[in-house]
N, C-alpha and C. Protein backbone atom coordinates (compact mmCIF):
# COMPACT_ATOMS: atom_id res chain seq x y z
N MET A 1 -8.55 -39.43 -46.23
CA MET A 1 -7.99 -38.15 -46.65
C MET A 1 -7.98 -37.20 -45.47
N ASP A 2 -6.89 -37.09 -44.77
CA ASP A 2 -6.79 -36.16 -43.66
C ASP A 2 -6.05 -34.90 -44.07
N THR A 3 -4.82 -35.07 -44.49
CA THR A 3 -4.05 -33.89 -44.84
C THR A 3 -3.16 -34.18 -46.04
N LEU A 4 -2.93 -33.14 -46.83
CA LEU A 4 -1.96 -33.18 -47.91
C LEU A 4 -1.06 -31.99 -47.73
N LYS A 5 0.07 -32.00 -48.37
CA LYS A 5 0.98 -30.88 -48.25
C LYS A 5 1.07 -30.14 -49.59
N THR A 6 1.04 -28.82 -49.52
CA THR A 6 1.25 -28.01 -50.71
C THR A 6 2.71 -27.56 -50.68
N THR A 7 3.16 -26.91 -51.75
CA THR A 7 4.54 -26.45 -51.81
C THR A 7 4.84 -25.51 -50.65
N ASP A 8 3.93 -24.56 -50.38
CA ASP A 8 4.14 -23.63 -49.27
C ASP A 8 4.23 -24.37 -47.94
N ASP A 9 3.40 -25.38 -47.77
CA ASP A 9 3.37 -26.11 -46.52
C ASP A 9 4.62 -26.96 -46.33
N LEU A 10 5.14 -27.51 -47.43
CA LEU A 10 6.37 -28.29 -47.32
C LEU A 10 7.51 -27.40 -46.84
N LEU A 11 7.50 -26.14 -47.29
CA LEU A 11 8.53 -25.21 -46.86
C LEU A 11 8.33 -24.81 -45.40
N SER A 12 7.07 -24.63 -44.98
CA SER A 12 6.81 -24.20 -43.61
C SER A 12 6.67 -25.35 -42.65
N GLY A 13 6.48 -26.57 -43.18
CA GLY A 13 6.33 -27.73 -42.31
C GLY A 13 4.91 -27.95 -41.81
N ASP A 14 3.93 -27.19 -42.31
CA ASP A 14 2.54 -27.33 -41.86
C ASP A 14 1.74 -28.19 -42.84
N ALA A 15 0.83 -28.99 -42.32
CA ALA A 15 -0.05 -29.80 -43.16
C ALA A 15 -1.36 -29.06 -43.37
N VAL A 16 -1.96 -29.25 -44.52
CA VAL A 16 -3.22 -28.59 -44.85
C VAL A 16 -4.38 -29.48 -44.41
N LYS A 17 -5.36 -28.86 -43.75
CA LYS A 17 -6.58 -29.58 -43.35
C LYS A 17 -7.46 -29.73 -44.59
N LEU A 18 -7.84 -30.97 -44.91
CA LEU A 18 -8.64 -31.21 -46.11
C LEU A 18 -10.00 -31.83 -45.83
N THR A 19 -10.36 -31.99 -44.57
CA THR A 19 -11.67 -32.52 -44.23
C THR A 19 -12.37 -31.57 -43.27
N PHE A 20 -13.69 -31.58 -43.33
CA PHE A 20 -14.49 -30.72 -42.47
C PHE A 20 -14.77 -31.43 -41.15
N THR A 21 -14.67 -30.68 -40.07
CA THR A 21 -15.03 -31.21 -38.75
C THR A 21 -16.12 -30.30 -38.20
N GLY A 22 -17.02 -30.83 -37.42
CA GLY A 22 -18.08 -29.99 -36.85
C GLY A 22 -19.28 -29.90 -37.77
N ASP A 23 -19.91 -28.72 -37.79
CA ASP A 23 -21.16 -28.48 -38.49
C ASP A 23 -20.95 -28.48 -40.01
N VAL A 24 -21.38 -29.56 -40.69
CA VAL A 24 -21.19 -29.64 -42.13
C VAL A 24 -22.18 -28.77 -42.91
N THR A 25 -23.24 -28.31 -42.25
CA THR A 25 -24.19 -27.42 -42.94
C THR A 25 -23.56 -26.04 -43.19
N ARG A 26 -22.48 -25.73 -42.46
CA ARG A 26 -21.76 -24.46 -42.65
C ARG A 26 -20.37 -24.72 -43.23
N SER A 27 -20.19 -25.88 -43.91
CA SER A 27 -18.88 -26.21 -44.48
C SER A 27 -18.56 -25.25 -45.62
N LEU A 28 -17.35 -24.69 -45.59
CA LEU A 28 -16.92 -23.69 -46.57
C LEU A 28 -15.54 -24.05 -47.09
N LEU A 29 -15.43 -24.21 -48.40
CA LEU A 29 -14.16 -24.44 -49.06
C LEU A 29 -13.67 -23.11 -49.63
N ILE A 30 -12.43 -22.74 -49.29
CA ILE A 30 -11.80 -21.54 -49.86
C ILE A 30 -10.64 -22.03 -50.72
N VAL A 31 -10.64 -21.62 -52.00
CA VAL A 31 -9.56 -22.00 -52.91
C VAL A 31 -8.94 -20.71 -53.45
N ASP A 32 -7.73 -20.40 -52.99
CA ASP A 32 -7.05 -19.17 -53.41
C ASP A 32 -5.55 -19.37 -53.22
N ASP A 33 -4.76 -18.98 -54.21
CA ASP A 33 -3.31 -19.18 -54.10
C ASP A 33 -2.58 -17.98 -53.50
N ASP A 34 -3.31 -16.96 -53.10
CA ASP A 34 -2.74 -15.81 -52.40
C ASP A 34 -2.78 -16.14 -50.90
N ALA A 35 -1.66 -16.63 -50.37
CA ALA A 35 -1.63 -17.16 -48.99
C ALA A 35 -2.10 -16.17 -47.93
N PRO A 36 -1.62 -14.92 -47.91
CA PRO A 36 -2.10 -13.99 -46.87
C PRO A 36 -3.60 -13.74 -46.95
N PHE A 37 -4.11 -13.54 -48.17
CA PHE A 37 -5.55 -13.31 -48.34
C PHE A 37 -6.34 -14.54 -47.91
N ARG A 38 -5.90 -15.73 -48.33
CA ARG A 38 -6.60 -16.98 -47.99
C ARG A 38 -6.66 -17.16 -46.47
N THR A 39 -5.55 -16.91 -45.80
CA THR A 39 -5.50 -17.07 -44.34
C THR A 39 -6.43 -16.09 -43.65
N ARG A 40 -6.38 -14.80 -44.08
CA ARG A 40 -7.25 -13.78 -43.47
C ARG A 40 -8.72 -14.12 -43.66
N LEU A 41 -9.07 -14.51 -44.89
CA LEU A 41 -10.47 -14.82 -45.18
C LEU A 41 -10.92 -16.05 -44.39
N ALA A 42 -10.08 -17.07 -44.32
CA ALA A 42 -10.44 -18.28 -43.58
C ALA A 42 -10.72 -17.96 -42.12
N ARG A 43 -9.84 -17.18 -41.50
CA ARG A 43 -10.04 -16.81 -40.08
C ARG A 43 -11.31 -15.99 -39.89
N ALA A 44 -11.54 -15.04 -40.80
CA ALA A 44 -12.72 -14.19 -40.69
C ALA A 44 -14.00 -15.01 -40.85
N MET A 45 -13.99 -15.97 -41.76
CA MET A 45 -15.19 -16.79 -41.98
C MET A 45 -15.40 -17.77 -40.82
N GLU A 46 -14.33 -18.26 -40.22
CA GLU A 46 -14.47 -19.12 -39.03
C GLU A 46 -15.12 -18.34 -37.89
N LYS A 47 -14.74 -17.07 -37.74
CA LYS A 47 -15.35 -16.22 -36.70
C LYS A 47 -16.84 -16.01 -36.95
N ARG A 48 -17.25 -16.13 -38.21
CA ARG A 48 -18.66 -15.97 -38.56
C ARG A 48 -19.42 -17.31 -38.51
N GLY A 49 -18.78 -18.34 -37.99
CA GLY A 49 -19.46 -19.61 -37.78
C GLY A 49 -19.33 -20.63 -38.89
N PHE A 50 -18.46 -20.38 -39.88
CA PHE A 50 -18.28 -21.34 -40.95
C PHE A 50 -17.22 -22.37 -40.55
N ASN A 51 -17.38 -23.58 -41.07
CA ASN A 51 -16.45 -24.68 -40.87
C ASN A 51 -15.56 -24.69 -42.11
N VAL A 52 -14.33 -24.17 -42.01
CA VAL A 52 -13.52 -23.82 -43.18
C VAL A 52 -12.41 -24.82 -43.47
N VAL A 53 -12.26 -25.12 -44.76
CA VAL A 53 -11.07 -25.79 -45.29
C VAL A 53 -10.54 -24.85 -46.38
N ALA A 54 -9.26 -24.45 -46.28
CA ALA A 54 -8.67 -23.51 -47.24
C ALA A 54 -7.49 -24.16 -47.94
N VAL A 55 -7.51 -24.16 -49.27
CA VAL A 55 -6.44 -24.77 -50.06
C VAL A 55 -5.98 -23.78 -51.13
N ASP A 56 -4.84 -24.12 -51.78
CA ASP A 56 -4.22 -23.15 -52.69
C ASP A 56 -4.16 -23.57 -54.15
N SER A 57 -4.87 -24.64 -54.53
CA SER A 57 -4.74 -25.10 -55.92
C SER A 57 -6.05 -25.70 -56.44
N VAL A 58 -6.15 -25.75 -57.77
CA VAL A 58 -7.28 -26.39 -58.42
C VAL A 58 -7.33 -27.86 -58.02
N GLN A 59 -6.18 -28.53 -58.03
CA GLN A 59 -6.12 -29.95 -57.71
C GLN A 59 -6.69 -30.24 -56.32
N LEU A 60 -6.25 -29.49 -55.31
CA LEU A 60 -6.75 -29.72 -53.95
C LEU A 60 -8.21 -29.30 -53.82
N GLY A 61 -8.60 -28.24 -54.52
CA GLY A 61 -9.99 -27.80 -54.49
C GLY A 61 -10.92 -28.87 -55.02
N ILE A 62 -10.55 -29.48 -56.15
CA ILE A 62 -11.36 -30.55 -56.73
C ILE A 62 -11.40 -31.75 -55.79
N GLU A 63 -10.26 -32.07 -55.19
CA GLU A 63 -10.22 -33.21 -54.27
C GLU A 63 -11.17 -33.01 -53.08
N VAL A 64 -11.13 -31.82 -52.47
CA VAL A 64 -12.02 -31.55 -51.34
C VAL A 64 -13.47 -31.56 -51.80
N ALA A 65 -13.74 -30.97 -52.98
CA ALA A 65 -15.11 -30.95 -53.51
C ALA A 65 -15.65 -32.36 -53.69
N GLN A 66 -14.85 -33.25 -54.24
CA GLN A 66 -15.30 -34.62 -54.50
C GLN A 66 -15.42 -35.44 -53.23
N GLU A 67 -14.51 -35.25 -52.29
CA GLU A 67 -14.50 -36.05 -51.06
C GLU A 67 -15.51 -35.56 -50.03
N SER A 68 -15.65 -34.22 -49.91
CA SER A 68 -16.44 -33.66 -48.81
C SER A 68 -17.69 -32.91 -49.23
N ALA A 69 -17.79 -32.51 -50.48
CA ALA A 69 -18.95 -31.79 -51.01
C ALA A 69 -19.44 -30.70 -50.06
N PRO A 70 -18.66 -29.60 -49.89
CA PRO A 70 -19.05 -28.54 -48.97
C PRO A 70 -20.33 -27.82 -49.40
N ALA A 71 -20.99 -27.20 -48.42
CA ALA A 71 -22.22 -26.45 -48.68
C ALA A 71 -21.92 -25.11 -49.35
N PHE A 72 -20.73 -24.56 -49.06
CA PHE A 72 -20.35 -23.24 -49.58
C PHE A 72 -18.93 -23.30 -50.11
N ALA A 73 -18.61 -22.40 -51.04
CA ALA A 73 -17.24 -22.31 -51.55
C ALA A 73 -16.96 -20.89 -52.02
N VAL A 74 -15.71 -20.49 -51.84
CA VAL A 74 -15.20 -19.23 -52.36
C VAL A 74 -13.97 -19.62 -53.18
N VAL A 75 -14.01 -19.35 -54.49
CA VAL A 75 -12.97 -19.85 -55.38
C VAL A 75 -12.39 -18.70 -56.21
N ASP A 76 -11.07 -18.60 -56.20
CA ASP A 76 -10.38 -17.61 -57.04
C ASP A 76 -10.42 -18.11 -58.48
N LEU A 77 -10.59 -17.21 -59.42
CA LEU A 77 -10.69 -17.60 -60.83
C LEU A 77 -9.36 -18.10 -61.37
N ARG A 78 -8.28 -17.36 -61.11
CA ARG A 78 -6.98 -17.75 -61.65
C ARG A 78 -6.12 -18.29 -60.53
N LEU A 79 -5.70 -19.53 -60.69
CA LEU A 79 -4.86 -20.19 -59.70
C LEU A 79 -3.58 -20.66 -60.38
N GLY A 80 -2.57 -20.92 -59.58
CA GLY A 80 -1.27 -21.29 -60.12
C GLY A 80 -1.29 -22.51 -61.01
N ASP A 81 -2.18 -23.46 -60.73
CA ASP A 81 -2.21 -24.70 -61.51
C ASP A 81 -3.43 -24.81 -62.42
N GLY A 82 -4.14 -23.72 -62.65
CA GLY A 82 -5.27 -23.80 -63.57
C GLY A 82 -6.35 -22.78 -63.30
N ASN A 83 -7.56 -23.11 -63.73
CA ASN A 83 -8.70 -22.21 -63.69
C ASN A 83 -9.67 -22.63 -62.59
N GLY A 84 -10.08 -21.68 -61.75
CA GLY A 84 -11.01 -21.95 -60.67
C GLY A 84 -12.36 -22.46 -61.14
N LEU A 85 -12.72 -22.22 -62.41
CA LEU A 85 -13.99 -22.73 -62.93
C LEU A 85 -14.03 -24.26 -62.90
N ASP A 86 -12.86 -24.90 -62.97
CA ASP A 86 -12.81 -26.36 -62.87
C ASP A 86 -13.25 -26.83 -61.49
N VAL A 87 -12.89 -26.04 -60.46
CA VAL A 87 -13.31 -26.37 -59.09
C VAL A 87 -14.83 -26.19 -58.97
N VAL A 88 -15.35 -25.11 -59.57
CA VAL A 88 -16.79 -24.86 -59.52
C VAL A 88 -17.55 -26.02 -60.17
N SER A 89 -17.07 -26.50 -61.30
CA SER A 89 -17.72 -27.64 -61.97
C SER A 89 -17.70 -28.88 -61.09
N ALA A 90 -16.56 -29.14 -60.45
CA ALA A 90 -16.45 -30.31 -59.56
C ALA A 90 -17.41 -30.18 -58.38
N LEU A 91 -17.54 -28.96 -57.84
CA LEU A 91 -18.48 -28.73 -56.74
C LEU A 91 -19.91 -28.96 -57.18
N ARG A 92 -20.26 -28.47 -58.37
CA ARG A 92 -21.62 -28.64 -58.89
C ARG A 92 -21.94 -30.12 -59.10
N ASP A 93 -20.95 -30.89 -59.57
CA ASP A 93 -21.17 -32.33 -59.77
C ASP A 93 -21.37 -33.03 -58.43
N ALA A 94 -20.58 -32.63 -57.42
CA ALA A 94 -20.62 -33.30 -56.12
C ALA A 94 -21.84 -32.87 -55.30
N ARG A 95 -22.21 -31.59 -55.41
CA ARG A 95 -23.32 -31.07 -54.61
C ARG A 95 -24.00 -29.93 -55.38
N PRO A 96 -25.03 -30.24 -56.14
CA PRO A 96 -25.68 -29.23 -56.98
C PRO A 96 -26.20 -28.00 -56.23
N ASP A 97 -26.53 -28.15 -54.93
CA ASP A 97 -27.07 -27.01 -54.18
C ASP A 97 -25.98 -26.18 -53.49
N ALA A 98 -24.71 -26.50 -53.72
CA ALA A 98 -23.62 -25.72 -53.11
C ALA A 98 -23.68 -24.28 -53.60
N ARG A 99 -23.43 -23.35 -52.69
CA ARG A 99 -23.42 -21.93 -53.05
C ARG A 99 -21.96 -21.50 -53.23
N VAL A 100 -21.62 -21.12 -54.45
CA VAL A 100 -20.23 -20.81 -54.81
C VAL A 100 -20.11 -19.35 -55.21
N VAL A 101 -19.10 -18.68 -54.65
CA VAL A 101 -18.79 -17.30 -55.02
C VAL A 101 -17.41 -17.30 -55.66
N MET A 102 -17.32 -16.70 -56.85
CA MET A 102 -16.03 -16.57 -57.54
C MET A 102 -15.38 -15.26 -57.14
N LEU A 103 -14.06 -15.30 -56.95
CA LEU A 103 -13.27 -14.10 -56.67
C LEU A 103 -12.24 -13.94 -57.78
N THR A 104 -11.98 -12.71 -58.15
CA THR A 104 -10.90 -12.49 -59.09
C THR A 104 -10.39 -11.07 -59.04
N GLY A 105 -9.11 -10.94 -59.31
CA GLY A 105 -8.50 -9.62 -59.46
C GLY A 105 -8.51 -9.19 -60.90
N TYR A 106 -9.09 -10.02 -61.77
CA TYR A 106 -9.07 -9.76 -63.20
C TYR A 106 -10.50 -9.69 -63.73
N GLY A 107 -11.33 -8.92 -63.07
CA GLY A 107 -12.75 -8.92 -63.38
C GLY A 107 -13.10 -8.31 -64.72
N ASN A 108 -13.98 -8.98 -65.44
CA ASN A 108 -14.60 -8.41 -66.63
C ASN A 108 -15.90 -9.17 -66.89
N ILE A 109 -16.70 -8.66 -67.79
CA ILE A 109 -18.02 -9.23 -68.02
C ILE A 109 -17.93 -10.68 -68.50
N ALA A 110 -16.99 -10.99 -69.38
CA ALA A 110 -16.89 -12.35 -69.93
C ALA A 110 -16.60 -13.37 -68.83
N THR A 111 -15.69 -13.05 -67.92
CA THR A 111 -15.38 -14.01 -66.86
C THR A 111 -16.53 -14.11 -65.87
N ALA A 112 -17.24 -13.01 -65.63
CA ALA A 112 -18.40 -13.06 -64.74
C ALA A 112 -19.48 -13.98 -65.32
N VAL A 113 -19.73 -13.87 -66.62
CA VAL A 113 -20.72 -14.72 -67.27
C VAL A 113 -20.28 -16.18 -67.21
N ALA A 114 -18.99 -16.44 -67.47
CA ALA A 114 -18.48 -17.82 -67.42
C ALA A 114 -18.63 -18.40 -66.02
N ALA A 115 -18.37 -17.59 -64.98
CA ALA A 115 -18.49 -18.07 -63.60
C ALA A 115 -19.93 -18.43 -63.27
N VAL A 116 -20.87 -17.59 -63.68
CA VAL A 116 -22.28 -17.85 -63.39
C VAL A 116 -22.77 -19.07 -64.17
N LYS A 117 -22.33 -19.21 -65.42
CA LYS A 117 -22.72 -20.38 -66.22
C LYS A 117 -22.16 -21.66 -65.61
N ALA A 118 -20.98 -21.57 -65.00
CA ALA A 118 -20.37 -22.76 -64.38
C ALA A 118 -21.08 -23.12 -63.08
N GLY A 119 -21.86 -22.19 -62.53
CA GLY A 119 -22.62 -22.51 -61.33
C GLY A 119 -22.38 -21.61 -60.14
N ALA A 120 -21.60 -20.56 -60.30
CA ALA A 120 -21.38 -19.63 -59.19
C ALA A 120 -22.65 -18.80 -58.97
N VAL A 121 -22.92 -18.45 -57.69
CA VAL A 121 -24.10 -17.64 -57.39
C VAL A 121 -23.77 -16.15 -57.40
N ASP A 122 -22.48 -15.83 -57.30
CA ASP A 122 -22.08 -14.43 -57.32
C ASP A 122 -20.62 -14.35 -57.75
N TYR A 123 -20.19 -13.13 -58.01
CA TYR A 123 -18.88 -12.86 -58.54
C TYR A 123 -18.38 -11.59 -57.87
N LEU A 124 -17.27 -11.68 -57.13
CA LEU A 124 -16.76 -10.52 -56.41
C LEU A 124 -15.33 -10.20 -56.84
N PRO A 125 -15.01 -8.91 -57.02
CA PRO A 125 -13.62 -8.56 -57.34
C PRO A 125 -12.75 -8.66 -56.09
N LYS A 126 -11.47 -9.01 -56.30
CA LYS A 126 -10.53 -9.04 -55.18
C LYS A 126 -9.88 -7.67 -55.06
N PRO A 127 -9.54 -7.28 -53.85
CA PRO A 127 -9.73 -8.01 -52.61
C PRO A 127 -11.14 -7.80 -52.07
N ALA A 128 -11.84 -8.89 -51.78
CA ALA A 128 -13.19 -8.81 -51.21
C ALA A 128 -13.08 -8.99 -49.71
N ASP A 129 -13.88 -8.24 -48.95
CA ASP A 129 -13.82 -8.41 -47.50
C ASP A 129 -14.79 -9.52 -47.07
N ALA A 130 -14.60 -10.00 -45.85
CA ALA A 130 -15.39 -11.14 -45.35
C ALA A 130 -16.88 -10.83 -45.30
N ASP A 131 -17.25 -9.58 -45.02
CA ASP A 131 -18.67 -9.22 -44.98
C ASP A 131 -19.32 -9.40 -46.36
N ALA A 132 -18.62 -8.96 -47.40
CA ALA A 132 -19.16 -9.10 -48.76
C ALA A 132 -19.26 -10.58 -49.15
N VAL A 133 -18.25 -11.35 -48.76
CA VAL A 133 -18.27 -12.79 -49.08
C VAL A 133 -19.42 -13.48 -48.36
N GLU A 134 -19.57 -13.18 -47.06
CA GLU A 134 -20.66 -13.79 -46.29
C GLU A 134 -22.02 -13.41 -46.88
N SER A 135 -22.20 -12.14 -47.22
CA SER A 135 -23.48 -11.70 -47.81
C SER A 135 -23.77 -12.43 -49.11
N ALA A 136 -22.74 -12.60 -49.95
CA ALA A 136 -22.94 -13.30 -51.22
C ALA A 136 -23.27 -14.77 -51.00
N LEU A 137 -22.60 -15.41 -50.05
CA LEU A 137 -22.84 -16.83 -49.79
C LEU A 137 -24.25 -17.08 -49.23
N LEU A 138 -24.71 -16.16 -48.38
CA LEU A 138 -25.98 -16.37 -47.70
C LEU A 138 -27.15 -15.63 -48.33
N ALA A 139 -26.92 -14.95 -49.47
CA ALA A 139 -28.00 -14.20 -50.13
C ALA A 139 -29.16 -15.14 -50.45
N ASP A 140 -30.36 -14.68 -50.18
CA ASP A 140 -31.54 -15.53 -50.35
C ASP A 140 -32.36 -15.12 -51.57
N GLY A 141 -31.77 -15.32 -52.73
CA GLY A 141 -32.51 -15.03 -53.96
C GLY A 141 -32.38 -13.61 -54.46
N ARG A 142 -31.77 -12.73 -53.65
CA ARG A 142 -31.58 -11.37 -54.14
C ARG A 142 -30.54 -11.40 -55.25
N PRO A 143 -30.69 -10.55 -56.27
CA PRO A 143 -29.71 -10.59 -57.36
C PRO A 143 -28.30 -10.21 -56.91
N LEU A 144 -28.18 -9.29 -55.99
CA LEU A 144 -26.87 -8.88 -55.48
C LEU A 144 -26.96 -8.68 -53.98
N PRO A 145 -25.88 -8.98 -53.25
CA PRO A 145 -25.91 -8.72 -51.82
C PRO A 145 -25.91 -7.21 -51.56
N GLN A 146 -26.35 -6.83 -50.37
CA GLN A 146 -26.31 -5.42 -49.98
C GLN A 146 -24.86 -4.94 -49.95
N PRO A 147 -24.63 -3.66 -50.28
CA PRO A 147 -23.25 -3.17 -50.21
C PRO A 147 -22.77 -3.21 -48.76
N PRO A 148 -21.46 -3.40 -48.56
CA PRO A 148 -20.95 -3.45 -47.19
C PRO A 148 -21.17 -2.13 -46.47
N GLU A 149 -21.32 -2.20 -45.16
CA GLU A 149 -21.54 -1.02 -44.33
C GLU A 149 -20.34 -0.07 -44.43
N ASN A 150 -19.14 -0.63 -44.37
CA ASN A 150 -17.90 0.16 -44.45
C ASN A 150 -17.01 -0.43 -45.54
N PRO A 151 -17.27 -0.11 -46.81
CA PRO A 151 -16.45 -0.69 -47.88
C PRO A 151 -15.03 -0.15 -47.83
N MET A 152 -14.11 -0.91 -48.44
CA MET A 152 -12.72 -0.46 -48.51
C MET A 152 -12.65 0.81 -49.33
N SER A 153 -11.77 1.71 -48.92
CA SER A 153 -11.59 2.93 -49.69
C SER A 153 -10.89 2.60 -51.00
N ALA A 154 -11.02 3.50 -51.97
CA ALA A 154 -10.36 3.29 -53.26
C ALA A 154 -8.85 3.21 -53.08
N ASP A 155 -8.31 4.01 -52.16
CA ASP A 155 -6.86 3.97 -51.89
C ASP A 155 -6.44 2.61 -51.36
N ARG A 156 -7.27 2.03 -50.48
CA ARG A 156 -6.93 0.71 -49.92
C ARG A 156 -7.02 -0.38 -50.99
N VAL A 157 -8.04 -0.32 -51.86
CA VAL A 157 -8.16 -1.30 -52.94
C VAL A 157 -6.95 -1.21 -53.85
N ARG A 158 -6.54 0.01 -54.19
CA ARG A 158 -5.36 0.22 -55.04
C ARG A 158 -4.12 -0.34 -54.37
N TRP A 159 -3.93 -0.06 -53.08
CA TRP A 159 -2.76 -0.52 -52.34
C TRP A 159 -2.72 -2.05 -52.30
N GLU A 160 -3.88 -2.68 -52.05
CA GLU A 160 -3.96 -4.15 -52.00
C GLU A 160 -3.59 -4.74 -53.37
N HIS A 161 -4.07 -4.12 -54.44
CA HIS A 161 -3.77 -4.62 -55.78
C HIS A 161 -2.27 -4.52 -56.06
N ILE A 162 -1.67 -3.39 -55.72
CA ILE A 162 -0.23 -3.21 -55.93
C ILE A 162 0.56 -4.25 -55.13
N GLN A 163 0.16 -4.48 -53.88
CA GLN A 163 0.85 -5.47 -53.04
C GLN A 163 0.74 -6.86 -53.65
N ARG A 164 -0.42 -7.20 -54.17
CA ARG A 164 -0.62 -8.53 -54.79
C ARG A 164 0.29 -8.71 -56.00
N VAL A 165 0.33 -7.71 -56.88
CA VAL A 165 1.17 -7.81 -58.07
C VAL A 165 2.64 -7.88 -57.66
N PHE A 166 3.03 -7.10 -56.65
CA PHE A 166 4.41 -7.09 -56.14
C PHE A 166 4.79 -8.49 -55.65
N GLU A 167 3.90 -9.15 -54.92
CA GLU A 167 4.17 -10.51 -54.44
C GLU A 167 4.23 -11.50 -55.61
N GLN A 168 3.34 -11.33 -56.59
CA GLN A 168 3.33 -12.22 -57.75
C GLN A 168 4.60 -12.07 -58.59
N CYS A 169 5.20 -10.90 -58.53
CA CYS A 169 6.46 -10.65 -59.25
C CYS A 169 7.66 -10.97 -58.36
N GLU A 170 7.43 -11.74 -57.32
CA GLU A 170 8.48 -12.17 -56.39
C GLU A 170 9.23 -10.98 -55.80
N ARG A 171 8.46 -9.94 -55.48
CA ARG A 171 8.97 -8.74 -54.82
C ARG A 171 10.04 -8.00 -55.64
N ASN A 172 9.92 -8.13 -56.95
CA ASN A 172 10.83 -7.45 -57.87
C ASN A 172 10.19 -6.11 -58.25
N VAL A 173 10.78 -5.00 -57.79
CA VAL A 173 10.20 -3.68 -57.99
C VAL A 173 10.15 -3.31 -59.47
N SER A 174 11.23 -3.57 -60.20
CA SER A 174 11.26 -3.20 -61.62
C SER A 174 10.19 -3.94 -62.41
N GLU A 175 10.06 -5.25 -62.18
CA GLU A 175 9.06 -6.03 -62.91
C GLU A 175 7.65 -5.60 -62.52
N THR A 176 7.43 -5.34 -61.23
CA THR A 176 6.12 -4.89 -60.77
C THR A 176 5.75 -3.55 -61.42
N ALA A 177 6.70 -2.62 -61.44
CA ALA A 177 6.47 -1.31 -62.05
C ALA A 177 6.14 -1.45 -63.53
N ARG A 178 6.85 -2.34 -64.23
CA ARG A 178 6.60 -2.55 -65.65
C ARG A 178 5.18 -3.09 -65.87
N ARG A 179 4.77 -4.07 -65.06
CA ARG A 179 3.45 -4.68 -65.24
C ARG A 179 2.32 -3.71 -64.87
N LEU A 180 2.58 -2.84 -63.89
CA LEU A 180 1.56 -1.87 -63.48
C LEU A 180 1.59 -0.60 -64.32
N LYS A 181 2.55 -0.55 -65.27
CA LYS A 181 2.73 0.64 -66.12
C LYS A 181 2.90 1.89 -65.24
N MET A 182 3.84 1.77 -64.31
CA MET A 182 4.07 2.79 -63.31
C MET A 182 5.58 3.07 -63.25
N HIS A 183 5.95 4.30 -62.95
CA HIS A 183 7.37 4.61 -62.80
C HIS A 183 7.91 3.89 -61.56
N ARG A 184 9.14 3.38 -61.67
CA ARG A 184 9.74 2.59 -60.59
C ARG A 184 9.80 3.39 -59.28
N ARG A 185 10.17 4.66 -59.34
CA ARG A 185 10.29 5.48 -58.11
C ARG A 185 8.93 5.70 -57.46
N THR A 186 7.91 5.89 -58.28
CA THR A 186 6.55 6.06 -57.75
C THR A 186 6.13 4.80 -57.01
N LEU A 187 6.40 3.64 -57.61
CA LEU A 187 6.07 2.38 -56.97
C LEU A 187 6.84 2.21 -55.66
N GLN A 188 8.13 2.56 -55.64
CA GLN A 188 8.91 2.43 -54.41
C GLN A 188 8.33 3.30 -53.30
N ARG A 189 7.89 4.52 -53.64
CA ARG A 189 7.27 5.38 -52.62
C ARG A 189 6.01 4.74 -52.06
N ILE A 190 5.19 4.16 -52.94
CA ILE A 190 3.95 3.51 -52.48
C ILE A 190 4.27 2.32 -51.59
N LEU A 191 5.25 1.51 -51.99
CA LEU A 191 5.61 0.31 -51.22
C LEU A 191 6.19 0.66 -49.86
N ASN A 192 6.80 1.84 -49.74
CA ASN A 192 7.40 2.24 -48.47
C ASN A 192 6.38 2.83 -47.48
N LYS A 193 5.18 3.14 -47.97
CA LYS A 193 4.15 3.69 -47.09
C LYS A 193 3.36 2.57 -46.43
N HIS A 194 2.74 2.88 -45.31
CA HIS A 194 1.85 1.93 -44.65
C HIS A 194 0.55 1.82 -45.43
N ALA A 195 -0.15 0.73 -45.23
CA ALA A 195 -1.43 0.54 -45.92
C ALA A 195 -2.41 1.64 -45.53
N PRO A 196 -3.15 2.18 -46.50
CA PRO A 196 -4.18 3.17 -46.15
C PRO A 196 -5.27 2.51 -45.31
N ARG A 197 -5.97 3.31 -44.55
CA ARG A 197 -7.08 2.75 -43.74
C ARG A 197 -8.16 2.24 -44.64
N ALA A 198 -8.77 1.13 -44.20
CA ALA A 198 -9.85 0.54 -45.00
C ALA A 198 -11.00 1.50 -45.07
């Protein structure tokens, strides 16, 4: 198992790395179908010394979990082909001591409880920054990681959420405005502005 291709990769011509090379004690699986977020997080975690494999589906996440049993994982709850909790279960079966952090843009108490019952050590709302993810992965028995030194501003979190929904709606302004319960013109003004500072 060297590489498989996802739909995005078939379009771009790039193959996905599905095996860990180097230090397996810092092996980290990232499963998220938001390509820009997944790429940013993978690069940031590699800079922090993790050996990263990043995939975009439940199917590939389970495959990597079963074949490579990484020490760490960051898994989005809702993925295009299913539920991230299935990946967490596969990771727990393959490596019971794996430290798994769930990410979601749809946070609520019920999903947090389900993630912890499935074996996640922490639960972070999206968009989560690399510092928060690293703290959660490496937490040594503390119930919650320390808050980040420079957390994202509320304006930046709002902007990131709007951008994510806009991309999920295939960049359709009317549909995005309807889903966000926002006036179309207000949304257009926000989309035309630059991202607020973190």
